[in-house]
């Protein structure tokens, strides 16, 4: 292991594998959310239901649910309340 970490290529390879496997690498980066995901997240933070979000953004309910699932994964949280709090804390939404 020491040899792998001492080699720049070895360390990059190890970090790449860790990232692919979803293992934290110690590097903190801001989650990348699409404009649509941010719009959904803002409405979540305002307390809108999935049905209300779908109506407001002219989306189907399954599309809203998919966006929310992607948002939770991107932010690394388990529920919509945590997503809203985390996004506000990070300044991802107003």
Protein backbone atom coordinates (compact mmCIF):
# COMPACT_ATOMS: atom_id res chain seq x y z
CA UNK A 1 0.00 0.00 0.00
CA UNK A 2 2.81 2.41 0.85
CA UNK A 3 4.30 1.97 -2.62
CA UNK A 4 0.95 2.66 -4.24
CA UNK A 5 0.48 5.89 -2.30
CA UNK A 6 4.03 7.06 -2.93
CA UNK A 7 3.55 6.75 -6.69
CA UNK A 8 1.51 9.64 -8.17
CA UNK A 9 -0.12 7.30 -10.66
CA UNK A 10 -0.85 4.76 -7.95
CA UNK A 11 -2.47 7.31 -5.67
CA UNK A 12 -4.57 8.74 -8.51
CA UNK A 13 -5.67 5.24 -9.46
CA UNK A 14 -6.58 4.40 -5.86
CA UNK A 15 -8.55 7.65 -5.44
CA UNK A 16 -10.33 7.05 -8.74
CA UNK A 17 -11.37 3.56 -7.67
CA UNK A 18 -12.54 4.83 -4.29
CA UNK A 19 -14.66 7.52 -5.96
CA UNK A 20 -16.16 4.99 -8.40
CA UNK A 21 -17.07 2.73 -5.51
CA UNK A 22 -18.69 5.59 -3.60
CA UNK A 23 -16.05 5.58 -0.88
CA UNK A 24 -15.26 9.07 0.46
CA UNK A 25 -11.92 10.33 -0.80
CA UNK A 26 -11.53 13.25 1.57
CA UNK A 27 -12.20 15.69 -1.24
CA UNK A 28 -15.30 17.79 -0.63
CA UNK A 29 -16.88 19.25 -3.71
CA UNK A 30 -20.18 21.01 -4.17
CA UNK A 31 -22.87 18.76 -5.62
CA UNK A 32 -23.77 19.44 -9.22
CA UNK A 33 -27.49 20.02 -9.61
CA UNK A 34 -29.24 20.85 -12.85
CA UNK A 35 -31.31 23.99 -13.15
CA UNK A 36 -34.46 21.86 -13.00
CA UNK A 37 -33.25 20.02 -9.88
CA UNK A 38 -32.56 23.36 -8.21
CA UNK A 39 -36.09 24.52 -9.09
CA UNK A 40 -37.55 21.33 -7.59
CA UNK A 41 -35.35 21.71 -4.51
CA UNK A 42 -36.44 25.30 -3.97
CA UNK A 43 -40.08 24.19 -3.97
CA UNK A 44 -39.25 21.33 -1.61
CA UNK A 45 -37.67 23.89 0.73
CA UNK A 46 -40.88 25.94 0.55
CA UNK A 47 -42.85 22.90 1.70
CA UNK A 48 -44.49 21.96 -1.60
CA UNK A 49 -45.74 18.40 -2.04
CA UNK A 50 -44.70 16.34 -5.06
CA UNK A 51 -48.12 16.96 -6.62
CA UNK A 52 -47.77 20.72 -6.11
CA UNK A 53 -44.24 20.72 -7.55
CA UNK A 54 -45.44 18.75 -10.58
CA UNK A 55 -48.28 21.22 -11.17
CA UNK A 56 -46.14 24.31 -10.63
CA UNK A 57 -43.30 23.16 -12.91
CA UNK A 58 -45.55 21.40 -15.46
CA UNK A 59 -43.96 17.99 -14.82
CA UNK A 60 -45.38 14.56 -14.17
CA UNK A 61 -45.36 13.30 -10.61
CA UNK A 62 -42.94 10.43 -11.48
CA UNK A 63 -40.54 13.01 -12.99
CA UNK A 64 -40.66 15.04 -9.78
CA UNK A 65 -40.03 11.88 -7.75
CA UNK A 66 -37.04 11.03 -9.98
CA UNK A 67 -35.63 14.54 -9.57
CA UNK A 68 -35.99 14.32 -5.80
CA UNK A 69 -34.28 10.92 -5.71
CA UNK A 70 -31.39 12.35 -7.77
CA UNK A 71 -31.18 15.39 -5.49
CA UNK A 72 -31.02 13.23 -2.36
CA UNK A 73 -28.25 11.15 -3.90
CA UNK A 74 -26.28 14.21 -5.06
CA UNK A 75 -26.49 15.84 -1.64
CA UNK A 76 -25.86 12.59 0.24
CA UNK A 77 -28.96 12.93 2.41
CA UNK A 78 -31.85 10.59 3.19
CA UNK A 79 -34.93 12.79 3.08
CA UNK A 80 -36.33 15.94 1.53
CA UNK A 81 -36.14 17.97 4.74
CA UNK A 82 -32.43 17.23 5.08
CA UNK A 83 -31.99 18.10 1.40
CA UNK A 84 -33.64 21.49 1.89
CA UNK A 85 -31.62 22.28 5.02
CA UNK A 86 -28.36 21.16 3.40
CA UNK A 87 -29.02 23.11 0.19
CA UNK A 88 -29.82 26.29 2.13
CA UNK A 89 -26.70 25.85 4.27
CA UNK A 90 -24.51 25.38 1.19
CA UNK A 91 -26.14 28.29 -0.63
CA UNK A 92 -27.38 26.07 -3.45
CA UNK A 93 -30.83 27.66 -3.24
CA UNK A 94 -32.14 30.98 -1.94
